[in-house]
C-alpha cells in the first residue's frame, strides 16, 4: 500500500474535460483513391459549413481554413457573432491519418453558444486498407475544454455513430462514386459578414493556433479475433508495464473511470534524456480511461501531478489523448495507437510537414508484448525498477 496519498482520486477530477465523437463507414474504393479525396475537406464536408482557405495548400499539412457555418446548422440569424471558427491540418500519415485541429476565434466564436473559448478540437480521420479494394474510414473527434465542476464520463461502451459525421462520410462516398452532392440546405454567414472576403483573418498560419500538439503513431496486426484482443488490451498494465509501474487508484479494469498513478522505470527515464539518479520529483503522473467503445476504442488520457511531473520534463499543461483503436479483420485484428499530446502554445513550435509514417518504438514494444500475451508467451521482466517503492516507503 502506497504511503504517498494520491492528489487525484477520480478521473473526473483531471484538470480538463473531454467529449468524444465517433463515426465509422466502409467505402468500396481503394485507400489511395479515398485518401486523394479525403484530404480536401471542402469537397466532401460542405453540408454544414463553407470552407475558406486562408493559407497553405489543400491536401498538405499547414492548410488553414476559416469555417463559416450554414445558418440551418447553428439556428439561423439568432446565432451571435463571430460566425466562424478555425480548422487546420496539423498531421498527415499518407493513406492512414488526417489530423484536423479546431479552435475558436480569439475570445470565442458564436458568443460561446456552442463551445467555450478554451475549446480545442482534435478531429482525426483514420483510413484502413481492408485489402480487397475497400477502405474503412473512421472519425475520432475529441473536444478538449477547461475543467467543469460537474464533469462526467460517458460510461456507455456501445457504438454510437454521430449523425453529422456520418453525413460527411456519405458525401465522401458520393464524391468517390461520381454522384453529385445535394446542395447545402442554407447559405453560410460568409458573404453577409465578409462581403468580398473583406474580413481580414486573425490567424494566418496553423502554427499560430492557441495550443501546440505532438502526434505519436504505431500499428500492429494480430492473428487473433478482436474479442480476444479486446479482453486482454483493456487491462493496460498487463501489456504496458515495460516502462512504467501502474498503481491503481480507482475504478474497474477496462472501464471508463479507471485511474492509475504511473511510475517510470529507471531505464525509461534514461532513454528520455534524464539522469535516472537525479530525476526531479514528483516522479509519477496520472492515466485514466475516459472512453470505451467495445472492441473498437480505448480512450486513455494522461496528465501530470498538480504543478507538473519530473521537474520540467513534462509541461504542466500537458493533456495526453492516447487512443488505441481496434478493427476486426475477420479472425485477425488491426490495432492502432494514435497518441496526441496537447499543451499550451510554444513560440517556436511548428507542425510536421511530412506525411510519412513514423512508428513510435516504445508503443511498438507495448504492442509486441500484447501479442506475446495473446500467444501465451511470458513477458520479459522489466529492465529496471520504478521509483514507486523509493518514493513511497
Protein backbone atom coordinates (compact mmCIF):
# COMPACT_ATOMS: atom_id res chain seq x y z
CA UNK A 1 0.00 0.00 0.00
CA UNK A 2 1.46 3.36 -1.01
CA UNK A 3 2.24 5.81 1.79
CA UNK A 4 2.05 8.76 -0.62
CA UNK A 5 -1.58 9.83 -0.76
CA UNK A 6 -2.74 10.50 -4.34
CA UNK A 7 -3.83 14.02 -5.19
CA UNK A 8 -6.28 12.68 -7.77
CA UNK A 9 -8.73 10.01 -6.70
CA UNK A 10 -11.14 10.04 -9.67
CA UNK A 11 -10.69 10.50 -13.40
CA UNK A 12 -13.35 13.23 -13.40
CA UNK A 13 -11.04 15.34 -11.22
CA UNK A 14 -8.48 15.68 -14.05
CA UNK A 15 -7.60 19.29 -14.92
CA UNK A 16 -9.52 19.34 -18.22
CA UNK A 17 -12.66 17.92 -19.75
CA UNK A 18 -13.21 15.92 -22.95
CA UNK A 19 -16.04 14.81 -25.19
CA UNK A 20 -15.70 12.04 -27.80
CA UNK A 21 -17.49 11.81 -31.15
CA UNK A 22 -17.24 8.63 -33.21
CA UNK A 23 -18.25 7.55 -36.70
CA UNK A 24 -17.32 4.67 -38.99
CA UNK A 25 -18.06 3.55 -42.55
CA UNK A 26 -16.68 1.21 -45.22
CA UNK A 27 -16.17 2.60 -48.71
CA UNK A 28 -15.97 0.42 -51.82
CA UNK A 29 -12.84 2.13 -53.10
CA UNK A 30 -9.11 1.53 -52.59
CA UNK A 31 -7.42 3.54 -49.88
CA UNK A 32 -5.27 5.53 -52.33
CA UNK A 33 -8.37 6.87 -54.06
CA UNK A 34 -10.14 7.62 -50.78
CA UNK A 35 -7.10 9.48 -49.48
CA UNK A 36 -6.94 11.66 -52.58
CA UNK A 37 -10.45 12.97 -51.88
CA UNK A 38 -10.41 12.87 -48.08
CA UNK A 39 -7.53 15.36 -47.78
CA UNK A 40 -9.70 18.03 -49.47
CA UNK A 41 -12.34 18.62 -46.76
CA UNK A 42 -14.23 21.33 -48.64
CA UNK A 43 -15.14 18.78 -51.31
CA UNK A 44 -16.89 16.29 -49.02
CA UNK A 45 -17.78 18.34 -45.91
CA UNK A 46 -19.73 21.30 -47.36
CA UNK A 47 -23.13 20.35 -45.94
CA UNK A 48 -22.86 22.27 -42.67
CA UNK A 49 -20.00 24.73 -43.30
CA UNK A 50 -18.40 26.79 -46.01
CA UNK A 51 -14.62 26.34 -46.03
CA UNK A 52 -12.46 29.42 -46.70
CA UNK A 53 -8.82 28.51 -47.34
CA UNK A 54 -6.67 31.14 -45.59
CA UNK A 55 -3.17 29.76 -46.09
CA UNK A 56 -1.27 26.64 -47.05
CA UNK A 57 -2.00 24.06 -49.71
CA UNK A 58 -5.03 21.78 -49.93
CA UNK A 59 -4.05 18.24 -49.00
CA UNK A 60 -0.91 19.30 -47.14
CA UNK A 61 -0.01 19.84 -43.51
CA UNK A 62 -0.39 23.54 -42.72
CA UNK A 63 -3.60 24.15 -44.65
CA UNK A 64 -5.63 26.65 -42.61
CA UNK A 65 -9.36 27.22 -43.06
CA UNK A 66 -11.85 29.66 -41.63
CA UNK A 67 -15.14 27.76 -41.32
CA UNK A 68 -18.44 29.60 -41.75
CA UNK A 69 -21.40 27.55 -40.52
CA UNK A 70 -24.51 27.35 -42.63
CA UNK A 71 -27.47 29.00 -40.97
CA UNK A 72 -29.55 25.85 -40.59
CA UNK A 73 -26.70 24.27 -38.62
CA UNK A 74 -26.49 26.96 -35.91
CA UNK A 75 -30.09 28.10 -35.52
CA UNK A 76 -30.27 30.82 -38.16
CA UNK A 77 -29.81 34.55 -37.72
CA UNK A 78 -30.25 34.33 -33.95
CA UNK A 79 -26.74 32.88 -33.68
CA UNK A 80 -24.40 35.50 -32.13
CA UNK A 81 -21.11 36.52 -33.81
CA UNK A 82 -18.37 35.91 -34.65
CA UNK A 83 -19.91 33.47 -37.11
CA UNK A 84 -16.85 31.33 -37.80
CA UNK A 85 -14.12 29.22 -36.26
CA UNK A 86 -10.79 27.77 -37.42
CA UNK A 87 -9.60 24.41 -38.70
CA UNK A 88 -6.02 23.47 -39.53
CA UNK A 89 -4.41 20.36 -40.94
CA UNK A 90 -1.74 19.55 -38.34
CA UNK A 91 -0.84 15.92 -39.10
CA UNK A 92 -0.88 13.61 -42.11
CA UNK A 93 0.17 9.98 -42.43
CA UNK A 94 -0.39 9.07 -46.06
CA UNK A 95 -3.35 6.74 -46.58
CA UNK A 96 -3.82 6.42 -42.81
CA UNK A 97 -4.38 9.59 -40.74
CA UNK A 98 -5.66 13.12 -41.31
CA UNK A 99 -5.24 15.21 -38.18
CA UNK A 100 -7.58 18.21 -38.24
CA UNK A 101 -7.36 20.64 -35.34
CA UNK A 102 -10.14 23.05 -34.43
CA UNK A 103 -10.26 26.24 -32.37
CA UNK A 104 -12.42 29.30 -31.84
CA UNK A 105 -11.84 32.92 -32.78
CA UNK A 106 -9.83 34.86 -30.22
CA UNK A 107 -12.22 35.36 -27.32
CA UNK A 108 -14.67 32.77 -28.60
CA UNK A 109 -16.98 32.01 -31.54
CA UNK A 110 -20.77 32.14 -31.74
CA UNK A 111 -20.96 34.02 -28.45
CA UNK A 112 -19.91 30.87 -26.59
CA UNK A 113 -23.24 29.36 -27.61
CA UNK A 114 -21.70 26.02 -28.54
CA UNK A 115 -18.19 25.80 -27.08
CA UNK A 116 -16.13 27.91 -24.64
CA UNK A 117 -13.08 29.89 -25.79
CA UNK A 118 -10.87 27.20 -24.19
CA UNK A 119 -12.09 24.67 -26.78
CA UNK A 120 -9.52 22.62 -28.68
CA UNK A 121 -10.80 20.06 -31.18
CA UNK A 122 -8.61 17.10 -32.17
CA UNK A 123 -10.55 15.69 -35.11
CA UNK A 124 -8.84 12.65 -36.60
CA UNK A 125 -9.96 10.86 -39.76
CA UNK A 126 -8.40 7.40 -39.96
CA UNK A 127 -8.27 5.22 -43.06
CA UNK A 128 -7.58 1.48 -43.08
CA UNK A 129 -6.88 -0.53 -46.23
CA UNK A 130 -9.06 -3.63 -45.89
CA UNK A 131 -7.05 -5.34 -48.62
CA UNK A 132 -9.90 -6.08 -51.02
CA UNK A 133 -10.28 -2.74 -52.72
CA UNK A 134 -12.31 -1.39 -49.79
CA UNK A 135 -11.39 1.18 -47.17
CA UNK A 136 -12.56 1.59 -43.60
CA UNK A 137 -12.91 5.25 -42.63
CA UNK A 138 -13.32 6.35 -39.03
CA UNK A 139 -13.88 9.71 -37.40
CA UNK A 140 -12.49 10.15 -33.90
CA UNK A 141 -13.20 13.71 -32.78
CA UNK A 142 -12.07 14.68 -29.28
CA UNK A 143 -13.15 18.04 -27.86
CA UNK A 144 -10.97 19.36 -25.04
CA UNK A 145 -12.08 22.18 -22.76
CA UNK A 146 -11.17 23.52 -19.35
CA UNK A 147 -12.40 21.61 -16.31
CA UNK A 148 -16.05 21.79 -15.41
CA UNK A 149 -17.38 21.49 -11.84
CA UNK A 150 -19.78 18.65 -12.61
CA UNK A 151 -17.93 16.96 -15.48
CA UNK A 152 -18.85 13.33 -16.01
CA UNK A 153 -17.57 10.40 -18.06
CA UNK A 154 -19.51 8.63 -20.78
CA UNK A 155 -19.65 5.08 -19.44
CA UNK A 156 -21.61 3.71 -22.40
CA UNK A 157 -19.48 1.16 -24.29
CA UNK A 158 -21.89 0.74 -27.18
CA UNK A 159 -21.01 2.28 -30.50
CA UNK A 160 -22.94 5.48 -31.20
CA UNK A 161 -22.44 6.85 -34.71
CA UNK A 162 -22.55 10.65 -34.84
CA UNK A 163 -25.19 11.67 -37.39
CA UNK A 164 -23.46 14.76 -38.77
CA UNK A 165 -20.15 12.92 -39.27
CA UNK A 166 -21.96 10.03 -40.96
CA UNK A 167 -23.48 12.63 -43.31
CA UNK A 168 -19.94 13.68 -44.25
CA UNK A 169 -18.91 10.06 -44.81
CA UNK A 170 -21.96 9.52 -47.01
CA UNK A 171 -20.95 12.58 -49.03
CA UNK A 172 -17.39 11.26 -49.27
CA UNK A 173 -18.84 8.06 -50.72
CA UNK A 174 -20.87 10.05 -53.24
CA UNK A 175 -17.84 12.01 -54.39
CA UNK A 176 -15.90 8.77 -54.85
CA UNK A 177 -18.82 7.23 -56.76
CA UNK A 178 -19.15 10.28 -59.00
CA UNK A 179 -22.58 11.18 -57.61
CA UNK A 180 -23.38 14.92 -57.23
CA UNK A 181 -23.89 16.08 -53.65
CA UNK A 182 -27.18 17.56 -52.56
CA UNK A 183 -26.91 21.35 -52.36
CA UNK A 184 -26.47 22.68 -48.81
CA UNK A 185 -29.74 23.38 -47.00
CA UNK A 186 -28.81 27.03 -46.42
CA UNK A 187 -26.16 29.64 -47.08
CA UNK A 188 -23.35 30.38 -44.64
CA UNK A 189 -22.64 33.68 -42.91
CA UNK A 190 -19.55 34.30 -45.07
CA UNK A 191 -20.94 36.69 -47.69
CA UNK A 192 -23.04 38.52 -45.10
CA UNK A 193 -20.18 39.01 -42.62
CA UNK A 194 -17.31 39.29 -45.07
CA UNK A 195 -18.58 40.67 -48.38
CA UNK A 196 -15.92 40.15 -51.00
CA UNK A 197 -13.83 38.40 -48.31
CA UNK A 198 -13.22 41.76 -46.71
CA UNK A 199 -12.90 40.44 -43.15
CA UNK A 200 -9.17 40.04 -42.51
CA UNK A 201 -8.27 36.76 -40.78
CA UNK A 202 -6.89 36.97 -37.26
CA UNK A 203 -4.98 33.71 -37.80
CA UNK A 204 -2.84 33.30 -40.90
CA UNK A 205 -0.97 30.09 -40.04
CA UNK A 206 -1.75 26.82 -38.30
CA UNK A 207 1.34 27.40 -36.18
CA UNK A 208 -0.43 30.38 -34.56
CA UNK A 209 -3.21 28.24 -33.04
CA UNK A 210 -3.69 28.74 -29.27
CA UNK A 211 -2.19 25.36 -28.33
CA UNK A 212 0.54 23.02 -29.53
CA UNK A 213 0.37 19.31 -30.36
CA UNK A 214 2.62 16.33 -30.86
CA UNK A 215 1.48 13.09 -32.51
CA UNK A 216 2.68 9.55 -31.81
CA UNK A 217 1.65 6.65 -34.05
CA UNK A 218 2.01 2.87 -34.06
CA UNK A 219 0.23 -0.06 -35.72
CA UNK A 220 0.19 -3.85 -35.33
CA UNK A 221 -1.82 -6.82 -36.61
CA UNK A 222 -2.64 -9.86 -34.50
CA UNK A 223 -3.60 -13.35 -35.61
CA UNK A 224 -6.39 -13.37 -33.04
CA UNK A 225 -10.05 -12.34 -33.16
CA UNK A 226 -10.93 -8.88 -31.94
CA UNK A 227 -12.94 -10.22 -29.00
CA UNK A 228 -9.82 -11.87 -27.56
CA UNK A 229 -7.60 -8.89 -28.28
CA UNK A 230 -10.06 -6.54 -26.60
CA UNK A 231 -10.29 -8.70 -23.50
CA UNK A 232 -6.55 -8.51 -22.90
CA UNK A 233 -5.97 -4.98 -24.18
CA UNK A 234 -8.49 -3.49 -21.75
CA UNK A 235 -6.11 -4.36 -18.87
CA UNK A 236 -3.45 -1.76 -19.71
CA UNK A 237 -0.83 -2.59 -17.02
CA UNK A 238 -0.65 -6.20 -18.24
CA UNK A 239 0.92 -5.20 -21.56
CA UNK A 240 2.22 -1.70 -20.87
CA UNK A 241 4.37 -2.45 -17.84
CA UNK A 242 7.77 -2.47 -19.53
CA UNK A 243 8.46 1.22 -18.98
CA UNK A 244 6.17 2.11 -16.07
CA UNK A 245 4.74 0.60 -12.91
CA UNK A 246 1.00 1.15 -12.72
CA UNK A 247 -0.58 1.88 -9.34
CA UNK A 248 -4.39 1.50 -9.46
CA UNK A 249 -6.23 4.26 -7.62
CA UNK A 250 -9.90 3.93 -8.59
CA UNK A 251 -12.33 2.28 -10.96
CA UNK A 252 -12.74 -1.05 -12.69
CA UNK A 253 -10.30 -2.66 -15.10
CA UNK A 254 -11.03 -1.74 -18.70
CA UNK A 255 -13.87 0.61 -17.86
CA UNK A 256 -14.26 4.36 -18.14
CA UNK A 257 -13.25 5.79 -14.77
CA UNK A 258 -10.25 3.51 -14.18
CA UNK A 259 -7.46 5.65 -12.74
CA UNK A 260 -3.76 4.91 -12.21
CA UNK A 261 -0.74 6.71 -10.92
CA UNK A 262 2.17 5.50 -13.04
CA UNK A 263 5.82 5.50 -12.06
CA UNK A 264 8.52 5.41 -14.78
CA UNK A 265 11.21 2.76 -14.62
CA UNK A 266 14.76 3.99 -14.29
CA UNK A 267 15.90 2.84 -17.74
CA UNK A 268 12.97 4.69 -19.34
CA UNK A 269 13.96 7.92 -17.62
CA UNK A 270 17.46 7.49 -19.07
CA UNK A 271 16.08 6.76 -22.54
CA UNK A 272 14.20 10.05 -22.35
CA UNK A 273 17.27 12.13 -21.58
CA UNK A 274 17.06 12.24 -17.80
CA UNK A 275 19.71 11.21 -15.28
CA UNK A 276 17.95 8.25 -13.62
CA UNK A 277 19.64 9.04 -10.29
CA UNK A 278 18.51 12.66 -10.34
CA UNK A 279 15.01 12.71 -11.77
CA UNK A 280 13.27 15.61 -10.03
CA UNK A 281 10.08 14.85 -8.12
CA UNK A 282 7.25 14.21 -8.30
CA UNK A 283 8.32 11.11 -10.23
CA UNK A 284 4.91 9.98 -11.45
CA UNK A 285 1.94 11.11 -13.48
CA UNK A 286 -1.69 10.03 -13.91
CA UNK A 287 -3.52 7.96 -16.51
CA UNK A 288 -7.27 7.37 -16.77
CA UNK A 289 -9.66 5.60 -19.12
CA UNK A 290 -12.26 8.13 -20.21
CA UNK A 291 -13.98 6.42 -23.15
CA UNK A 292 -14.50 2.88 -24.34
CA UNK A 293 -16.30 1.54 -27.39
CA UNK A 294 -16.32 -2.21 -27.07
CA UNK A 295 -13.83 -3.91 -29.40
CA UNK A 296 -13.14 -0.61 -31.19
CA UNK A 297 -11.73 2.16 -28.99
CA UNK A 298 -9.93 2.69 -25.72
CA UNK A 299 -9.77 6.41 -24.92
CA UNK A 300 -6.90 6.89 -22.48
CA UNK A 301 -5.97 10.29 -21.06
CA UNK A 302 -2.77 11.41 -19.37
CA UNK A 303 -1.93 14.37 -17.12
CA UNK A 304 0.75 15.48 -14.71
CA UNK A 305 0.74 16.00 -10.99
CA UNK A 306 -0.59 19.39 -9.94
CA UNK A 307 2.19 21.81 -10.86
CA UNK A 308 3.97 19.30 -13.11
CA UNK A 309 5.84 15.99 -13.04
CA UNK A 310 9.57 15.22 -13.39
CA UNK A 311 10.52 18.85 -12.97
CA UNK A 312 10.21 20.43 -16.40
CA UNK A 313 10.36 17.17 -18.36
CA UNK A 314 6.61 17.32 -18.97
CA UNK A 315 4.86 20.65 -19.39
CA UNK A 316 2.30 21.13 -16.57
CA UNK A 317 -0.28 21.97 -19.26
CA UNK A 318 0.17 18.51 -20.82
CA UNK A 319 -3.01 16.70 -21.82
CA UNK A 320 -2.36 13.28 -23.34
CA UNK A 321 -5.15 11.96 -25.57
CA UNK A 322 -3.95 8.40 -26.14
CA UNK A 323 -6.38 6.44 -28.30
CA UNK A 324 -5.99 2.73 -29.07
CA UNK A 325 -8.23 1.58 -31.92
CA UNK A 326 -9.13 -1.96 -32.97
CA UNK A 327 -10.50 -3.22 -36.28
CA UNK A 328 -11.96 -6.68 -36.87
CA UNK A 329 -10.29 -8.25 -39.92
CA UNK A 330 -12.26 -11.48 -39.80
CA UNK A 331 -10.36 -13.60 -37.28
CA UNK A 332 -7.43 -11.17 -37.24
CA UNK A 333 -7.22 -7.75 -35.59
CA UNK A 334 -5.62 -4.47 -36.56
CA UNK A 335 -4.55 -2.34 -33.58
CA UNK A 336 -3.55 1.30 -33.90
CA UNK A 337 -2.24 3.81 -31.40
CA UNK A 338 -2.85 7.49 -32.04
CA UNK A 339 -1.45 9.47 -29.12
CA UNK A 340 -1.89 13.26 -29.24
CA UNK A 341 -0.19 15.48 -26.68
CA UNK A 342 -1.87 18.88 -26.30
CA UNK A 343 -0.05 21.64 -24.47
CA UNK A 344 0.00 25.41 -24.17
CA UNK A 345 1.33 27.19 -27.27
CA UNK A 346 5.08 27.22 -27.81
CA UNK A 347 6.59 30.19 -29.67
CA UNK A 348 8.83 28.08 -31.90
CA UNK A 349 6.55 25.05 -32.35
CA UNK A 350 5.90 24.11 -35.97
CA UNK A 351 3.65 21.45 -37.47
CA UNK A 352 5.48 18.50 -39.00
CA UNK A 353 5.08 18.85 -42.80
CA UNK A 354 5.92 15.21 -43.52
CA UNK A 355 3.17 12.74 -44.41
CA UNK A 356 5.46 9.72 -43.97
CA UNK A 357 4.62 7.08 -41.38
CA UNK A 358 6.83 7.39 -38.31
CA UNK A 359 6.44 4.48 -35.90
CA UNK A 360 6.95 5.05 -32.15
CA UNK A 361 9.31 2.34 -30.86
CA UNK A 362 8.06 2.44 -27.27
CA UNK A 363 4.44 1.90 -28.37
CA UNK A 364 5.54 -0.92 -30.69
CA UNK A 365 7.12 -2.56 -27.64
CA UNK A 366 3.73 -2.46 -25.91
CA UNK A 367 2.01 -3.91 -28.99
CA UNK A 368 4.64 -6.65 -29.16
CA UNK A 369 4.01 -7.52 -25.51
CA UNK A 370 0.26 -7.63 -26.12
CA UNK A 371 0.97 -10.10 -28.92
CA UNK A 372 3.01 -12.29 -26.59
CA UNK A 373 0.17 -12.41 -24.07
CA UNK A 374 -2.26 -13.32 -26.82
CA UNK A 375 0.08 -16.13 -27.89
CA UNK A 376 0.52 -17.37 -24.32
CA UNK A 377 4.16 -16.29 -24.14
CA UNK A 378 5.54 -14.90 -20.88
CA UNK A 379 6.76 -11.32 -20.97
CA UNK A 380 10.36 -10.43 -20.23
CA UNK A 381 10.72 -8.90 -16.77
CA UNK A 382 11.09 -5.10 -16.78
CA UNK A 383 14.69 -3.98 -17.26
CA UNK A 384 14.69 -1.84 -14.10
CA UNK A 385 12.57 -0.97 -11.09
CA UNK A 386 10.37 2.12 -10.93
CA UNK A 387 10.60 4.95 -8.41
CA UNK A 388 7.45 3.85 -6.60
CA UNK A 389 8.99 1.97 -3.66
CA UNK A 390 11.72 4.57 -3.20
CA UNK A 391 9.28 7.48 -3.17
CA UNK A 392 6.50 5.92 -1.07
CA UNK A 393 8.48 3.97 1.51
